[in-house]
Amino acid sequence: MPTWSHPRAAGTATARIYELRTYESHSDRAALNKLGMFNAGEVPIFRRAGLTPVFFGETLVGTRCPA
């Protein structure tokens, strides 16, 4: 996410379900394209659908990085 945002329901006792999604890319170019898609508008689409994004991260080192 380009900026940090506080979830609206934070601090409530409401039960929640979390979903972990992992996106893997076959190249740096494909990974940068996916990051661009999130930064260019997918987060607002999630919010309009009633989803609350919590965290987006990027693998910088390791065996699962694109070649």
C-alpha atoms as a PDB file:
ATOM      1  CA  MET A   1       0.000   0.000   0.000  1.00  0.00           C
ATOM      2  CA  PRO A   2       1.400   3.396  -0.847  1.00  0.00           C
ATOM      3  CA  THR A   3       0.296   4.873   2.504  1.00  0.00           C
ATOM      4  CA  TRP A   4      -0.615   3.531   5.930  1.00  0.00           C
ATOM      5  CA  SER A   5      -4.281   3.548   6.920  1.00  0.00           C
ATOM      6  CA  HIS A   6      -6.021   2.608  10.162  1.00  0.00           C
ATOM      7  CA  PRO A   7      -8.836   0.023   9.772  1.00  0.00           C
ATOM      8  CA  ARG A   8     -12.289   1.424  10.607  1.00  0.00           C
ATOM      9  CA  ALA A   9     -13.217  -1.495  12.857  1.00  0.00           C
ATOM     10  CA  ALA A  10      -9.996  -1.416  14.897  1.00  0.00           C
ATOM     11  CA  GLY A  11     -10.589  -1.710  18.624  1.00  0.00           C
ATOM     12  CA  THR A  12     -13.928  -3.469  18.326  1.00  0.00           C
ATOM     13  CA  ALA A  13     -14.646  -6.933  19.648  1.00  0.00           C
ATOM     14  CA  THR A  14     -16.089  -8.067  16.310  1.00  0.00           C
ATOM     15  CA  ALA A  15     -14.886 -11.459  15.099  1.00  0.00           C
ATOM     16  CA  ARG A  16     -12.841 -11.272  11.916  1.00  0.00           C
ATOM     17  CA  ILE A  17     -11.684 -13.569   9.182  1.00  0.00           C
ATOM     18  CA  TYR A  18      -8.274 -12.946   7.643  1.00  0.00           C
ATOM     19  CA  GLU A  19      -7.229 -14.124   4.202  1.00  0.00           C
ATOM     20  CA  LEU A  20      -3.581 -14.393   3.229  1.00  0.00           C
ATOM     21  CA  ARG A  21      -2.863 -14.055  -0.463  1.00  0.00           C
ATOM     22  CA  THR A  22       0.560 -14.665  -1.953  1.00  0.00           C
ATOM     23  CA  TYR A  23       1.393 -13.480  -5.446  1.00  0.00           C
ATOM     24  CA  GLU A  24       4.437 -14.991  -7.146  1.00  0.00           C
ATOM     25  CA  SER A  25       5.936 -13.615 -10.339  1.00  0.00           C
ATOM     26  CA  HIS A  26       8.141 -15.266 -12.915  1.00  0.00           C
ATOM     27  CA  SER A  27      10.192 -12.090 -13.469  1.00  0.00           C
ATOM     28  CA  ASP A  28      11.018  -8.720 -11.919  1.00  0.00           C
ATOM     29  CA  ARG A  29       8.984  -7.033 -14.650  1.00  0.00           C
ATOM     30  CA  ALA A  30       5.852  -9.049 -13.801  1.00  0.00           C
ATOM     31  CA  ALA A  31       6.341  -8.358 -10.076  1.00  0.00           C
ATOM     32  CA  LEU A  32       6.673  -4.611 -10.689  1.00  0.00           C
ATOM     33  CA  ASN A  33       3.531  -4.719 -12.848  1.00  0.00           C
ATOM     34  CA  LYS A  34       1.534  -6.380 -10.030  1.00  0.00           C
ATOM     35  CA  LEU A  35       2.836  -3.862  -7.477  1.00  0.00           C
ATOM     36  CA  GLY A  36       1.824  -1.071  -9.841  1.00  0.00           C
ATOM     37  CA  MET A  37      -1.684  -2.514 -10.092  1.00  0.00           C
ATOM     38  CA  PHE A  38      -2.073  -2.466  -6.296  1.00  0.00           C
ATOM     39  CA  ASN A  39      -0.679   1.057  -6.018  1.00  0.00           C
ATOM     40  CA  ALA A  40      -2.787   2.380  -8.897  1.00  0.00           C
ATOM     41  CA  GLY A  41      -6.219   1.442  -7.654  1.00  0.00           C
ATOM     42  CA  GLU A  42      -6.800  -2.105  -6.448  1.00  0.00           C
ATOM     43  CA  VAL A  43      -6.829  -1.119  -2.764  1.00  0.00           C
ATOM     44  CA  PRO A  44      -9.839   1.225  -3.233  1.00  0.00           C
ATOM     45  CA  ILE A  45     -11.622  -1.587  -5.109  1.00  0.00           C
ATOM     46  CA  PHE A  46     -11.058  -3.886  -2.110  1.00  0.00           C
ATOM     47  CA  ARG A  47     -12.500  -1.248   0.218  1.00  0.00           C
ATOM     48  CA  ARG A  48     -15.592  -0.690  -1.958  1.00  0.00           C
ATOM     49  CA  ALA A  49     -16.176  -4.460  -1.811  1.00  0.00           C
ATOM     50  CA  GLY A  50     -16.159  -4.297   2.002  1.00  0.00           C
ATOM     51  CA  LEU A  51     -12.656  -5.723   2.455  1.00  0.00           C
ATOM     52  CA  THR A  52     -10.093  -4.077   4.737  1.00  0.00           C
ATOM     53  CA  PRO A  53      -6.530  -4.435   3.473  1.00  0.00           C
ATOM     54  CA  VAL A  54      -4.153  -4.987   6.392  1.00  0.00           C
ATOM     55  CA  PHE A  55      -0.686  -5.494   4.950  1.00  0.00           C
ATOM     56  CA  PHE A  56       1.116  -5.628   1.639  1.00  0.00           C
ATOM     57  CA  GLY A  57       4.772  -6.646   1.514  1.00  0.00           C
ATOM     58  CA  GLU A  58       7.471  -7.437  -0.970  1.00  0.00           C
ATOM     59  CA  THR A  59      10.137 -10.138  -0.850  1.00  0.00           C
ATOM     60  CA  LEU A  60      13.554  -8.506  -1.107  1.00  0.00           C
ATOM     61  CA  VAL A  61      15.846 -11.515  -0.646  1.00  0.00           C
ATOM     62  CA  GLY A  62      15.475 -15.279  -0.545  1.00  0.00           C
ATOM     63  CA  THR A  63      14.781 -18.277  -2.697  1.00  0.00           C
ATOM     64  CA  ARG A  64      11.260 -17.133  -3.679  1.00  0.00           C
ATOM     65  CA  CYS A  65      12.330 -13.946  -5.481  1.00  0.00           C
ATOM     66  CA  PRO A  66      11.708 -13.642  -9.241  1.00  0.00           C
ATOM     67  CA  ALA A  67      14.679 -14.505 -11.411  1.00  0.00           C
END
